[in-house]
Protein backbone atom coordinates (compact mmCIF):
# COMPACT_ATOMS: atom_id res chain seq x y z
CA MET A 1 -88.43 -197.03 -102.63
CA THR A 2 -86.24 -197.75 -99.28
CA GLU A 3 -86.69 -201.34 -97.85
CA HIS A 4 -87.56 -201.04 -93.79
CA THR A 5 -86.83 -204.40 -91.47
CA SER A 6 -88.87 -204.57 -88.39
CA GLN A 7 -87.25 -204.34 -85.35
CA THR A 8 -89.20 -207.41 -83.75
CA ASP A 9 -90.76 -210.57 -85.34
CA SER A 10 -94.51 -211.46 -85.09
CA THR A 11 -93.77 -212.63 -81.52
CA GLY A 12 -92.18 -209.59 -80.55
CA ALA A 13 -88.83 -211.54 -80.18
CA ILE A 14 -85.58 -209.49 -81.73
CA PRO A 15 -83.83 -210.65 -84.37
CA GLU A 16 -80.13 -211.03 -84.11
CA GLN A 17 -79.21 -209.24 -86.80
CA ALA A 18 -81.24 -206.16 -85.94
CA ALA A 19 -80.10 -206.44 -81.98
CA GLY A 20 -77.14 -204.52 -80.61
CA GLY A 21 -76.55 -207.48 -78.49
CA ILE A 22 -77.58 -211.41 -78.37
CA LEU A 23 -78.47 -213.18 -75.08
CA HIS A 24 -77.66 -217.01 -75.57
CA ILE A 25 -79.96 -219.02 -72.66
CA ASP A 26 -78.97 -222.68 -72.10
CA LEU A 27 -81.84 -224.35 -70.44
CA ASP A 28 -80.64 -227.80 -70.70
CA ALA A 29 -77.50 -226.28 -68.14
CA LEU A 30 -80.73 -224.61 -66.54
CA ALA A 31 -82.43 -228.21 -66.37
CA ALA A 32 -78.95 -229.92 -65.02
CA ASN A 33 -78.26 -227.31 -62.23
CA TRP A 34 -81.91 -228.19 -61.11
CA ARG A 35 -80.91 -231.75 -61.14
CA THR A 36 -77.47 -231.09 -59.11
CA LEU A 37 -79.21 -229.21 -56.64
CA ARG A 38 -81.89 -232.34 -56.11
CA ASP A 39 -78.63 -234.47 -55.84
CA HIS A 40 -77.34 -232.37 -53.01
CA ALA A 41 -80.81 -231.94 -50.95
CA GLY A 42 -80.49 -234.96 -48.77
CA GLY A 43 -84.09 -236.10 -50.08
CA ALA A 44 -85.92 -232.74 -49.09
CA GLU A 45 -87.85 -231.77 -52.23
CA THR A 46 -85.84 -229.42 -54.28
CA ALA A 47 -88.23 -226.22 -55.39
CA ALA A 48 -86.87 -223.31 -58.17
CA VAL A 49 -87.32 -219.44 -57.34
CA VAL A 50 -87.66 -217.84 -60.45
CA LYS A 51 -88.68 -214.63 -59.45
CA ALA A 52 -87.30 -211.19 -61.38
CA ASP A 53 -88.79 -213.21 -64.57
CA ALA A 54 -86.76 -216.27 -63.90
CA TYR A 55 -83.74 -214.36 -62.88
CA GLY A 56 -83.84 -212.83 -66.55
CA LEU A 57 -84.29 -215.91 -68.32
CA GLY A 58 -88.11 -215.31 -69.22
CA ILE A 59 -90.53 -216.88 -66.84
CA GLU A 60 -92.39 -218.64 -69.90
CA LYS A 61 -88.96 -220.36 -71.12
CA ALA A 62 -87.60 -221.45 -67.07
CA VAL A 63 -90.51 -222.70 -65.49
CA PRO A 64 -91.52 -225.25 -68.32
CA ALA A 65 -88.02 -226.27 -68.86
CA LEU A 66 -87.72 -227.13 -65.15
CA ALA A 67 -90.90 -229.00 -64.80
CA ARG A 68 -90.29 -231.09 -67.18
CA VAL A 69 -86.84 -232.48 -65.25
CA GLY A 70 -89.50 -232.71 -61.94
CA CYS A 71 -89.60 -229.58 -60.51
CA ARG A 72 -93.02 -229.48 -58.99
CA THR A 73 -92.84 -226.43 -56.77
CA PHE A 74 -91.73 -222.68 -57.70
CA PHE A 75 -91.58 -219.16 -55.87
CA VAL A 76 -91.84 -215.96 -57.00
CA ALA A 77 -91.86 -212.40 -55.70
CA HIS A 78 -94.83 -210.73 -56.99
CA LEU A 79 -98.26 -212.09 -57.58
CA SER A 80 -98.19 -210.73 -61.42
CA GLU A 81 -95.31 -213.42 -61.79
CA ALA A 82 -97.25 -216.28 -60.20
CA ILE A 83 -100.10 -216.04 -62.57
CA ARG A 84 -97.83 -215.82 -65.40
CA ALA A 85 -96.22 -218.91 -63.87
CA ARG A 86 -99.14 -221.03 -63.17
CA ALA A 87 -100.04 -220.32 -67.27
CA VAL A 88 -97.02 -222.24 -68.05
CA ALA A 89 -97.19 -224.45 -64.98
CA PRO A 90 -100.91 -225.54 -64.79
CA GLU A 91 -100.21 -228.33 -61.93
CA ALA A 92 -97.36 -226.57 -59.94
CA THR A 93 -97.27 -225.38 -56.51
CA ILE A 94 -96.69 -221.81 -56.63
CA TYR A 95 -95.54 -219.46 -53.80
CA VAL A 96 -95.67 -215.54 -53.63
CA LEU A 97 -92.47 -214.53 -51.39
CA ASN A 98 -93.50 -210.87 -51.06
CA GLY A 99 -96.51 -211.38 -48.78
CA LEU A 100 -100.35 -210.77 -49.21
CA PHE A 101 -101.05 -207.65 -50.33
CA SER A 102 -104.46 -206.23 -49.51
CA GLY A 103 -107.30 -207.20 -51.39
CA THR A 104 -105.58 -209.61 -53.42
CA CYS A 105 -107.04 -212.96 -51.72
CA THR A 106 -109.64 -213.43 -54.69
CA THR A 107 -107.15 -213.27 -56.82
CA TYR A 108 -104.63 -215.83 -55.07
CA ALA A 109 -107.50 -218.60 -54.97
CA GLU A 110 -108.88 -217.89 -58.65
CA HIS A 111 -105.36 -218.74 -59.84
CA ASP A 112 -104.64 -221.51 -57.08
CA LEU A 113 -101.84 -219.62 -55.70
CA ARG A 114 -100.02 -219.64 -52.03
CA PRO A 115 -99.12 -216.38 -50.31
CA VAL A 116 -96.43 -216.54 -47.89
CA LEU A 117 -97.68 -214.97 -44.86
CA GLY A 118 -95.09 -212.69 -42.97
CA SER A 119 -97.27 -211.02 -40.41
CA PHE A 120 -100.22 -211.10 -38.33
CA GLU A 121 -102.06 -208.83 -40.02
CA GLU A 122 -101.53 -210.99 -43.29
CA ILE A 123 -102.30 -214.16 -41.54
CA GLU A 124 -105.68 -212.66 -40.31
CA GLU A 125 -106.57 -211.46 -43.73
CA TRP A 126 -106.28 -214.68 -45.45
CA ALA A 127 -107.88 -216.66 -42.81
CA GLY A 128 -110.76 -214.07 -42.95
CA PHE A 129 -110.85 -214.71 -46.49
CA CYS A 130 -111.02 -218.28 -46.05
CA ARG A 131 -113.74 -218.27 -43.51
CA VAL A 132 -115.76 -216.26 -45.44
CA GLN A 133 -115.43 -218.78 -48.82
CA SER A 134 -115.75 -221.64 -46.37
CA GLN A 135 -112.44 -223.08 -47.60
CA LYS A 136 -109.16 -224.28 -45.89
CA LEU A 137 -106.70 -222.87 -48.38
CA LYS A 138 -102.97 -223.11 -48.24
CA ALA A 139 -100.36 -220.74 -47.58
CA ALA A 140 -96.67 -220.41 -46.05
CA ILE A 141 -95.93 -219.10 -43.29
CA HIS A 142 -92.74 -216.63 -43.38
CA VAL A 143 -90.63 -216.35 -39.70
CA ASP A 144 -87.74 -214.15 -39.71
CA THR A 145 -84.47 -215.63 -37.92
CA GLY A 146 -82.11 -212.65 -38.80
CA MET A 147 -82.69 -211.03 -41.79
CA ASN A 148 -85.03 -208.59 -40.26
CA ARG A 149 -86.95 -207.97 -43.43
CA LEU A 150 -89.68 -210.03 -44.12
CA GLY A 151 -91.66 -212.29 -41.79
CA LEU A 152 -92.81 -212.78 -38.30
CA PRO A 153 -89.95 -212.32 -35.60
CA VAL A 154 -88.99 -215.42 -33.36
CA PRO A 155 -91.35 -214.24 -30.13
CA GLN A 156 -93.88 -213.95 -32.59
CA GLY A 157 -93.17 -217.36 -34.42
CA LEU A 158 -93.18 -218.98 -31.19
CA THR A 159 -96.75 -218.01 -30.28
CA LEU A 160 -98.11 -219.24 -33.64
CA LYS A 161 -99.26 -222.27 -32.02
CA ASP A 162 -101.98 -220.35 -30.14
CA ARG A 163 -103.43 -218.25 -32.60
CA GLY A 164 -107.14 -219.45 -33.63
CA GLU A 165 -107.02 -218.01 -37.17
CA LEU A 166 -104.41 -220.99 -38.05
CA GLU A 167 -108.17 -222.89 -37.91
CA ASP A 168 -109.01 -221.33 -40.74
CA PHE A 169 -107.08 -222.38 -43.28
CA GLU A 170 -103.84 -224.65 -44.25
CA ILE A 171 -100.24 -223.91 -43.37
CA ALA A 172 -98.50 -225.73 -46.16
CA LEU A 173 -94.97 -224.65 -45.41
CA LEU A 174 -93.07 -223.09 -42.36
CA MET A 175 -90.48 -220.98 -43.57
CA SER A 176 -87.38 -219.04 -42.86
CA HIS A 177 -84.16 -217.47 -44.94
CA PHE A 178 -81.02 -217.83 -44.54
CA VAL A 179 -78.80 -214.34 -44.20
CA SER A 180 -75.35 -215.43 -44.96
CA ALA A 181 -75.29 -219.24 -46.05
CA GLU A 182 -72.66 -218.26 -48.66
CA GLU A 183 -70.16 -217.79 -45.89
CA SER A 184 -70.12 -221.45 -44.39
CA ASP A 185 -68.30 -220.28 -41.52
CA ASN A 186 -70.24 -217.46 -40.32
CA PRO A 187 -71.94 -218.24 -36.82
CA LEU A 188 -75.08 -216.58 -37.57
CA ASN A 189 -76.15 -219.89 -39.86
CA ALA A 190 -76.24 -222.24 -36.68
CA GLN A 191 -78.13 -219.13 -34.93
CA GLN A 192 -80.63 -219.05 -37.60
CA ILE A 193 -81.38 -222.76 -37.73
CA GLU A 194 -81.52 -222.91 -33.75
CA ALA A 195 -84.21 -220.12 -33.66
CA PHE A 196 -86.00 -221.92 -36.90
CA GLU A 197 -85.87 -225.37 -34.63
CA ALA A 198 -87.26 -223.71 -31.93
CA ILE A 199 -90.63 -222.49 -33.69
CA ARG A 200 -90.56 -225.60 -35.87
CA SER A 201 -90.99 -227.86 -33.19
CA SER A 202 -94.27 -226.01 -31.75
CA LEU A 203 -95.82 -226.73 -35.07
CA PRO A 204 -94.44 -229.97 -35.43
CA HIS A 205 -96.54 -231.61 -38.74
CA ILE A 206 -96.21 -228.55 -40.90
CA PRO A 207 -93.63 -229.38 -43.59
CA ALA A 208 -90.55 -226.84 -43.14
CA SER A 209 -88.18 -224.82 -45.71
CA LEU A 210 -85.11 -222.93 -44.83
CA PRO A 211 -82.02 -223.96 -47.17
CA ASN A 212 -81.67 -221.37 -50.41
CA SER A 213 -79.03 -222.07 -53.12
CA SER A 214 -75.79 -221.79 -50.82
CA GLY A 215 -77.60 -223.74 -47.73
CA ILE A 216 -77.98 -226.56 -49.70
CA PHE A 217 -73.90 -227.02 -49.50
CA LEU A 218 -73.57 -226.39 -45.93
CA ARG A 219 -71.66 -228.86 -43.94
CA ASP A 220 -74.20 -228.95 -41.07
CA LYS A 221 -77.24 -228.09 -43.44
CA PRO A 222 -80.87 -228.87 -41.74
CA GLY A 223 -82.80 -231.34 -43.79
CA TYR A 224 -86.26 -230.25 -43.57
CA ASP A 225 -88.91 -230.90 -46.14
CA LEU A 226 -88.05 -228.41 -49.19
CA VAL A 227 -85.41 -226.27 -50.50
CA ARG A 228 -85.48 -223.14 -52.57
CA PRO A 229 -82.71 -222.70 -54.79
CA GLY A 230 -82.19 -219.39 -56.83
CA TYR A 231 -79.19 -217.89 -58.18
CA ALA A 232 -77.22 -221.32 -58.18
CA LEU A 233 -80.06 -222.66 -61.03
CA TYR A 234 -78.57 -219.61 -62.87
CA GLY A 235 -75.09 -220.77 -62.73
CA GLY A 236 -74.25 -218.62 -60.01
CA ASN A 237 -71.74 -219.98 -57.37
CA PRO A 238 -73.52 -221.28 -54.50
CA THR A 239 -69.95 -221.85 -52.78
CA PRO A 240 -67.82 -218.65 -53.49
CA SER A 241 -64.85 -220.23 -51.73
CA ARG A 242 -64.44 -223.32 -53.56
CA ASP A 243 -65.11 -224.24 -57.45
CA ASN A 244 -68.54 -223.67 -58.88
CA PRO A 245 -70.72 -226.91 -59.00
CA MET A 246 -73.38 -225.26 -61.43
CA ARG A 247 -72.66 -225.07 -65.42
CA PRO A 248 -73.12 -221.77 -66.88
CA VAL A 249 -76.72 -220.99 -68.28
CA VAL A 250 -76.31 -217.23 -69.76
CA GLY A 251 -74.04 -215.47 -72.00
CA LEU A 252 -73.88 -212.35 -73.70
CA GLU A 253 -72.44 -210.87 -77.07
CA GLY A 254 -72.74 -207.54 -77.88
CA ARG A 255 -71.98 -206.20 -81.41
CA ILE A 256 -69.03 -203.94 -82.64
CA VAL A 257 -70.61 -200.99 -84.35
CA GLN A 258 -67.74 -198.78 -85.21
CA LEU A 259 -64.02 -198.96 -85.00
CA ARG A 260 -61.68 -196.01 -84.58
CA TRP A 261 -57.87 -194.84 -83.68
CA VAL A 262 -57.64 -193.00 -80.72
CA GLU A 263 -54.24 -190.55 -80.58
CA ALA A 264 -52.06 -190.37 -77.29
CA GLU A 265 -53.62 -187.53 -74.92
CA HIS A 266 -57.46 -188.15 -76.50
CA THR A 267 -59.76 -188.97 -73.89
CA VAL A 268 -62.95 -192.04 -74.16
CA GLY A 269 -66.40 -191.31 -73.50
CA TYR A 270 -68.66 -189.11 -71.39
CA ASN A 271 -66.45 -186.72 -68.90
CA GLY A 272 -63.48 -187.88 -70.26
CA ARG A 273 -62.69 -190.46 -67.51
CA TRP A 274 -60.45 -192.50 -69.55
CA LEU A 275 -57.19 -191.33 -70.96
CA ALA A 276 -55.28 -192.67 -73.97
CA LEU A 277 -51.49 -192.48 -72.98
CA ASP A 278 -50.34 -193.69 -76.50
CA ARG A 279 -52.72 -194.56 -79.99
CA ARG A 280 -55.15 -196.53 -79.15
CA ARG A 281 -58.04 -198.75 -81.53
CA ILE A 282 -61.14 -198.43 -79.73
CA ALA A 283 -64.39 -200.76 -80.50
CA THR A 284 -67.60 -199.51 -79.50
CA ILE A 285 -70.30 -202.13 -78.55
CA SER A 286 -74.36 -201.64 -79.03
CA VAL A 287 -75.03 -202.47 -75.24
CA GLY A 288 -75.11 -200.03 -72.31
CA TYR A 289 -76.81 -199.70 -69.34
CA ALA A 290 -80.22 -199.57 -70.66
CA ASP A 291 -79.86 -203.05 -71.82
CA GLY A 292 -79.18 -203.60 -67.81
CA PHE A 293 -74.99 -203.61 -68.24
CA PRO A 294 -74.21 -201.86 -65.07
CA ARG A 295 -72.43 -198.55 -65.54
CA SER A 296 -70.28 -199.39 -62.22
CA ALA A 297 -68.35 -201.47 -64.55
CA SER A 298 -66.99 -198.27 -66.31
CA ALA A 299 -63.33 -197.85 -66.92
CA ARG A 300 -61.96 -194.93 -65.41
CA GLY A 301 -58.13 -193.97 -65.51
CA LYS A 302 -55.32 -194.38 -68.27
CA SER A 303 -54.47 -196.90 -70.92
CA GLY A 304 -52.43 -199.85 -69.86
CA GLU A 305 -53.23 -199.26 -65.77
CA GLU A 306 -54.83 -201.80 -64.34
CA PHE A 307 -58.04 -201.30 -62.15
CA LEU A 308 -61.20 -203.14 -61.73
CA ALA A 309 -63.53 -202.55 -64.81
CA GLY A 310 -65.41 -204.29 -66.93
CA THR A 311 -63.74 -206.57 -69.56
CA ALA A 312 -64.98 -207.98 -73.43
CA LEU A 313 -63.56 -211.02 -74.80
CA VAL A 314 -63.01 -210.27 -78.19
CA ALA A 315 -61.33 -212.66 -80.72
CA GLY A 316 -61.17 -214.95 -77.46
CA GLN A 317 -58.61 -211.95 -76.21
CA ALA A 318 -59.46 -210.34 -72.73
CA CYS A 319 -59.74 -206.67 -73.57
CA PRO A 320 -60.19 -204.04 -71.11
CA PHE A 321 -63.36 -200.96 -71.14
CA ALA A 322 -62.13 -197.72 -72.09
CA GLY A 323 -64.36 -195.28 -70.48
CA ASN A 324 -67.83 -194.99 -68.98
CA VAL A 325 -70.43 -197.34 -69.92
CA SER A 326 -73.20 -194.95 -71.44
CA MET A 327 -76.85 -195.85 -72.04
CA ASP A 328 -76.72 -197.75 -75.60
CA LEU A 329 -72.89 -197.94 -75.64
CA ILE A 330 -69.70 -199.63 -74.22
CA THR A 331 -65.96 -198.65 -75.55
CA VAL A 332 -63.40 -201.59 -75.45
CA ASP A 333 -59.41 -200.90 -75.79
CA VAL A 334 -59.00 -203.77 -78.60
CA THR A 335 -55.44 -202.45 -79.54
CA ASP A 336 -53.89 -205.80 -78.97
CA VAL A 337 -56.09 -207.76 -81.02
CA PRO A 338 -54.44 -208.13 -84.91
CA GLU A 339 -56.73 -205.48 -86.81
CA ALA A 340 -57.74 -208.48 -89.25
CA GLN A 341 -59.55 -210.28 -86.40
CA VAL A 342 -61.75 -207.43 -85.08
CA GLN A 343 -64.19 -205.76 -87.61
CA ARG A 344 -67.35 -203.92 -87.99
CA GLY A 345 -70.06 -206.10 -87.18
CA ASP A 346 -68.62 -208.63 -84.99
CA THR A 347 -69.50 -209.66 -81.91
CA VAL A 348 -67.77 -209.54 -78.43
CA THR A 349 -68.56 -211.72 -75.34
CA LEU A 350 -69.79 -209.75 -72.42
CA ILE A 351 -70.82 -212.68 -70.36
CA GLY A 352 -69.23 -216.12 -70.77
CA GLY A 353 -66.24 -218.28 -70.96
CA GLU A 354 -63.96 -216.69 -68.23
CA LEU A 355 -66.15 -214.17 -67.68
CA THR A 356 -68.60 -216.10 -65.18
CA ILE A 357 -71.80 -214.16 -63.94
CA ASP A 358 -69.99 -213.92 -60.81
CA GLU A 359 -66.80 -212.27 -62.52
CA VAL A 360 -68.89 -209.89 -64.33
CA GLY A 361 -70.62 -208.48 -61.22
CA ARG A 362 -67.16 -208.54 -59.04
CA ARG A 363 -65.79 -206.29 -62.11
CA ALA A 364 -68.20 -204.00 -61.92
CA GLY A 365 -68.33 -203.53 -58.33
CA THR A 366 -71.88 -205.85 -57.34
CA ILE A 367 -72.99 -209.27 -57.18
CA GLY A 368 -73.75 -211.53 -59.92
CA TYR A 369 -77.59 -211.67 -58.92
CA GLU A 370 -77.60 -208.00 -60.14
CA ILE A 371 -76.31 -208.80 -63.46
CA LEU A 372 -78.78 -211.50 -64.12
CA THR A 373 -81.48 -209.93 -63.49
CA ASN A 374 -81.17 -206.42 -64.93
CA LEU A 375 -80.53 -208.18 -68.54
CA GLY A 376 -82.84 -205.89 -70.61
CA ALA A 377 -85.42 -206.54 -72.85
CA ARG A 378 -83.43 -205.21 -76.09
CA TYR A 379 -81.36 -208.36 -76.92
CA ALA A 380 -82.27 -210.98 -79.17
CA ARG A 381 -82.55 -213.83 -77.24
CA ALA A 382 -81.39 -217.15 -78.12
CA TYR A 383 -82.43 -220.33 -76.68
CA ARG A 384 -81.14 -223.72 -76.47
CA GLY A 385 -82.88 -227.13 -75.15
CA GLY A 386 -85.65 -227.34 -72.91
CA GLU A 387 -87.21 -230.20 -74.45
CA GLY A 388 -86.82 -233.00 -72.04
């Protein structure tokens, strides 16, 4: 009789020995990053943006870890995320950034959640609901100072003070969003601050929020009442032109499922986009784009050539990808690693050490945000810390 090993345990978690990749998540580093950001916030309350499942870390793990060190306010993108956050942070203030979907007011009220209202239509719907309920429920108002995405345009924002609907609910926060705060010398930063100040001065008694992760580190950053870091919490560099002040939070290991020698003039992977100029040893890793590792990290060229593509750390040595990243597998050229140091079943580092999330993003022609938020559900997740 053959013994079958379940791919998940009773909680739905994937055991490490059954996983093609292991995602290491350091909740103590997450908490330390929040403290660092708080210390740079100039006395403003420091919230946490936990949208996209806490940037891939897991809302149910990240939110309690942050709450334990003093975070009281959280921002998510979707109502469904807010409900999950409420379940693990019953006392927290929770805002939903993507606006008020029609017909969802009752759900917000039932779970004590706050919509971020970004249009007159949303303001009117929320105000009407509050009138019917005879309750002045809380919400944020989002004004657009340059992103041209969500929020009231500046001319509309300047008329807010004259709108009668504001008597029907409580504006708990007036907010906007920087376009290019990571570019400290971008003149758009000052233009946005000026526009936001004009609207804020017309509503002087409402708490205000503008800085995101990078905005916290601007030389001429505005004070205001609340800052909303996201990416920096998870180890991303909020100051790309300088050293990263944040601790790494996420590491990713992939498991080697096979090693083989590829002879000279043979190709590797789909469409034969990588050519071995001499005999090369190739390790096949059980991680692919279905696990959220981007196909854009593919290596297309010839062995020995230098080009921007993915890299793995194998026995501590940087080894280049070879060929296309496929759905479930990545192939890596490990020829320069002594054979005894790399064997079937070993793990290699895909994120960690010199391969920061920013560097992995750069090598894939994207940004670390995309790397983090795409990390898939097929990994075993190894959490560390977060208990105090």
